[in-house]
Amino acid sequence: MGEQAVTGAGGTPASARTPDACGATGPQSRTTDIVPGPGGVMTDEVGVVTGELTLRTDLADGRVTLHVQYKDADEWYAVTGGSAALADAAGLDAVHSIAVGLLDRPEG
């Protein structure tokens, strides 16, 4: 399946904003605590992770990438298939909200 760019969006984010140390065009990220449903979240480095996690959506160089970590842990893992071009940085909040909506399934 071909890769498609995700374009801008509005809306109020339900996530924490990481300060943008590089200015409006520099790296940005959003984080939200999640509990995935049965089957957990597949990662490139360690396979499936389950339980209480933190999801981080990073935007750098026109690319959005999803990472997860066990809540309050130090190591981050790339979500398998969780990377795409993002044509407009204004879409970061929308992409993060969609990722949270897909992965946060505390009721199963």
Protein backbone atom coordinates (compact mmCIF):
# COMPACT_ATOMS: atom_id res chain seq x y z
CA MET A 1 0.00 0.00 0.00
CA GLY A 2 1.42 3.41 -0.94
CA GLU A 3 2.29 6.10 1.56
CA GLN A 4 0.09 9.18 1.73
CA ALA A 5 0.77 12.53 3.34
CA VAL A 6 -1.52 13.59 6.17
CA THR A 7 -2.60 17.21 5.80
CA GLY A 8 -3.51 19.97 8.27
CA ALA A 9 -6.37 19.99 10.74
CA GLY A 10 -7.85 22.00 13.57
CA GLY A 11 -9.36 21.03 16.88
CA THR A 12 -8.37 21.02 20.49
CA PRO A 13 -5.67 18.51 21.43
CA ALA A 14 -6.24 16.25 24.42
CA SER A 15 -2.52 15.70 24.77
CA ALA A 16 0.48 17.26 26.43
CA ARG A 17 2.52 19.58 24.25
CA THR A 18 6.28 19.40 24.30
CA PRO A 19 7.80 22.86 23.92
CA ASP A 20 9.18 23.47 20.46
CA ALA A 21 12.81 24.29 21.14
CA CYS A 22 13.60 24.75 17.45
CA GLY A 23 10.92 27.27 16.53
CA ALA A 24 7.69 26.76 14.60
CA THR A 25 9.34 24.57 11.97
CA GLY A 26 11.50 22.49 14.32
CA PRO A 27 10.76 19.15 15.95
CA GLN A 28 7.50 18.93 17.88
CA SER A 29 5.81 16.17 19.86
CA ARG A 30 2.62 15.27 21.73
CA THR A 31 2.24 12.68 24.50
CA THR A 32 -0.74 10.90 26.05
CA ASP A 33 -1.02 7.99 28.47
CA ILE A 34 -2.91 5.05 26.97
CA VAL A 35 -3.96 1.49 27.76
CA PRO A 36 -4.13 -0.60 24.57
CA GLY A 37 -6.68 -3.32 24.05
CA PRO A 38 -6.00 -7.05 23.86
CA GLY A 39 -2.95 -7.68 21.71
CA GLY A 40 -1.18 -4.50 22.82
CA VAL A 41 0.91 -2.34 20.49
CA MET A 42 3.44 -3.85 18.06
CA THR A 43 6.86 -2.19 18.14
CA ASP A 44 9.91 -2.54 15.90
CA GLU A 45 12.37 -3.11 18.74
CA VAL A 46 10.70 -5.48 21.22
CA GLY A 47 7.53 -6.76 19.57
CA VAL A 48 4.24 -6.36 21.44
CA VAL A 49 3.98 -4.11 24.50
CA THR A 50 0.92 -4.16 26.77
CA GLY A 51 -0.37 -2.49 29.92
CA GLU A 52 -0.12 1.18 30.85
CA LEU A 53 1.83 2.99 28.13
CA THR A 54 2.67 6.51 27.04
CA LEU A 55 2.17 7.33 23.35
CA ARG A 56 4.39 10.01 21.81
CA THR A 57 3.77 11.46 18.36
CA ASP A 58 6.87 13.20 16.97
CA LEU A 59 7.06 15.54 13.99
CA ALA A 60 10.45 16.27 12.47
CA ASP A 61 11.52 17.07 8.91
CA GLY A 62 8.00 16.68 7.51
CA ARG A 63 7.54 13.21 8.98
CA VAL A 64 5.34 12.07 11.86
CA THR A 65 6.45 9.03 13.89
CA LEU A 66 4.69 7.20 16.74
CA HIS A 67 6.56 5.84 19.76
CA VAL A 68 5.40 4.11 22.95
CA GLN A 69 6.99 3.45 26.30
CA TYR A 70 5.88 1.66 29.42
CA LYS A 71 4.44 4.43 31.59
CA ASP A 72 7.21 6.29 33.45
CA ALA A 73 9.96 4.16 31.84
CA ASP A 74 13.02 5.57 30.08
CA GLU A 75 13.05 3.58 26.83
CA TRP A 76 10.88 4.49 23.84
CA TYR A 77 9.93 2.02 21.08
CA ALA A 78 8.86 2.83 17.51
CA VAL A 79 5.31 1.71 16.73
CA THR A 80 5.45 -0.70 13.80
CA GLY A 81 4.02 1.05 10.74
CA GLY A 82 3.64 4.26 12.76
CA SER A 83 5.38 6.72 10.45
CA ALA A 84 4.09 8.88 7.60
CA ALA A 85 4.77 12.11 5.76
CA LEU A 86 2.92 15.11 7.20
CA ALA A 87 2.47 17.91 4.70
CA ASP A 88 1.44 20.54 7.27
CA ALA A 89 2.68 20.76 10.87
CA ALA A 90 -0.76 22.06 11.85
CA GLY A 91 -1.97 18.48 11.44
CA LEU A 92 0.15 17.12 14.31
CA ASP A 93 -2.63 17.45 16.89
CA ALA A 94 -5.10 15.67 14.62
CA VAL A 95 -2.67 12.83 13.85
CA HIS A 96 -1.93 12.38 17.56
CA SER A 97 -5.64 12.40 18.44
CA ILE A 98 -6.33 9.73 15.81
CA ALA A 99 -3.45 7.58 17.08
CA VAL A 100 -4.75 7.88 20.65
CA GLY A 101 -8.25 6.99 19.46
CA LEU A 102 -6.97 3.89 17.69
CA LEU A 103 -4.60 2.64 20.39
CA ASP A 104 -6.25 3.65 23.69
CA ARG A 105 -8.70 0.82 24.41
CA PRO A 106 -8.81 0.38 28.20
CA GLU A 107 -12.10 -1.52 27.99
CA GLY A 108 -10.71 -3.95 25.41
